[in-house]
Protein backbone atom coordinates (compact mmCIF):
# COMPACT_ATOMS: atom_id res chain seq x y z
CA MET A 1 70.11 -3.86 -45.23
CA VAL A 2 67.18 -5.11 -43.26
CA VAL A 3 66.51 -8.85 -43.78
CA THR A 4 63.07 -10.05 -42.83
CA ARG A 5 60.67 -13.11 -43.23
CA ASP A 6 58.24 -10.74 -42.90
CA PRO A 7 57.56 -9.03 -46.53
CA ASP A 8 55.56 -6.33 -45.39
CA VAL A 9 57.76 -5.36 -42.53
CA VAL A 10 54.68 -4.77 -40.27
CA PRO A 11 55.86 -3.89 -36.32
CA GLY A 12 53.58 -6.22 -34.05
CA ARG A 13 53.26 -9.11 -36.29
CA GLU A 14 54.15 -12.42 -34.94
CA ARG A 15 57.09 -14.69 -36.19
CA ARG A 16 58.99 -11.34 -37.55
CA THR A 17 62.87 -11.91 -37.58
CA ILE A 18 64.69 -8.62 -38.61
CA ALA A 19 68.65 -8.53 -38.97
CA ILE A 20 70.76 -5.36 -40.19
CA LEU A 21 73.33 -6.69 -42.26
CA PRO A 22 76.24 -5.02 -44.49
CA ARG A 23 75.35 -5.10 -48.00
CA SER A 24 78.16 -7.54 -48.89
CA LEU A 25 76.40 -10.39 -46.83
CA VAL A 26 72.98 -10.29 -48.60
CA ARG A 27 74.29 -12.25 -51.61
CA PRO A 28 73.22 -14.84 -52.45
CA VAL A 29 69.78 -14.07 -52.05
CA HIS A 30 67.71 -16.62 -50.06
CA PRO A 31 64.15 -17.18 -51.68
CA ASP A 32 62.43 -17.29 -48.18
CA LEU A 33 63.82 -13.83 -46.99
CA VAL A 34 63.09 -10.10 -48.09
CA TYR A 35 66.04 -7.76 -48.26
CA ARG A 36 65.25 -4.01 -47.72
CA PRO A 37 67.77 -1.25 -48.13
CA VAL A 38 68.46 1.01 -45.13
CA THR A 39 68.55 4.56 -46.20
CA GLY A 40 69.60 7.54 -44.04
CA ALA A 41 71.39 5.47 -41.31
CA PRO A 42 74.86 6.57 -40.35
CA SER A 43 77.75 4.35 -41.66
CA SER A 44 79.39 1.89 -39.31
CA ALA A 45 83.02 0.51 -38.98
CA LEU A 46 83.84 -3.02 -38.72
CA VAL A 47 87.02 -3.98 -36.68
CA VAL A 48 88.72 -7.42 -36.60
CA ALA A 49 91.48 -8.15 -34.08
CA TRP A 50 93.10 -11.41 -33.18
CA ALA A 51 96.30 -12.25 -31.14
CA ARG A 52 99.59 -11.58 -33.02
CA ASP A 53 100.82 -14.97 -32.43
CA ASP A 54 97.65 -16.96 -33.43
CA ARG A 55 98.68 -18.97 -36.37
CA ARG A 56 95.48 -21.19 -36.66
CA ARG A 57 93.87 -21.82 -40.23
CA LEU A 58 90.63 -20.88 -39.23
CA VAL A 59 91.67 -17.37 -37.92
CA ALA A 60 93.44 -16.74 -41.08
CA SER A 61 90.45 -17.72 -43.35
CA PHE A 62 88.35 -15.50 -40.96
CA VAL A 63 90.46 -12.36 -41.44
CA ALA A 64 90.68 -13.08 -44.95
CA ALA A 65 86.83 -13.47 -45.59
CA ALA A 66 86.44 -9.84 -43.43
CA VAL A 67 89.19 -8.29 -45.41
CA GLU A 68 87.59 -9.55 -48.92
CA ALA A 69 84.08 -8.32 -47.37
CA ALA A 70 85.08 -5.09 -46.51
CA ARG A 71 87.00 -4.31 -50.12
CA ALA A 72 83.77 -5.59 -51.79
CA THR A 73 81.80 -2.65 -50.16
């Protein structure tokens, strides 16, 4: 998905912000943004790696969220 503050997505317009996001990250929809699906683009892979002995809760939460997002797509 392309996320932009410019509803027309016109190249060259000032104050334009564009981000490419996986579909799983465009919910909930923010009222100030416009979401446009990207068609015809090749698929991509996301890889998450962490140290085997890292037992921090923050790392475990991040990995769990990444796995959940991957399953949702």
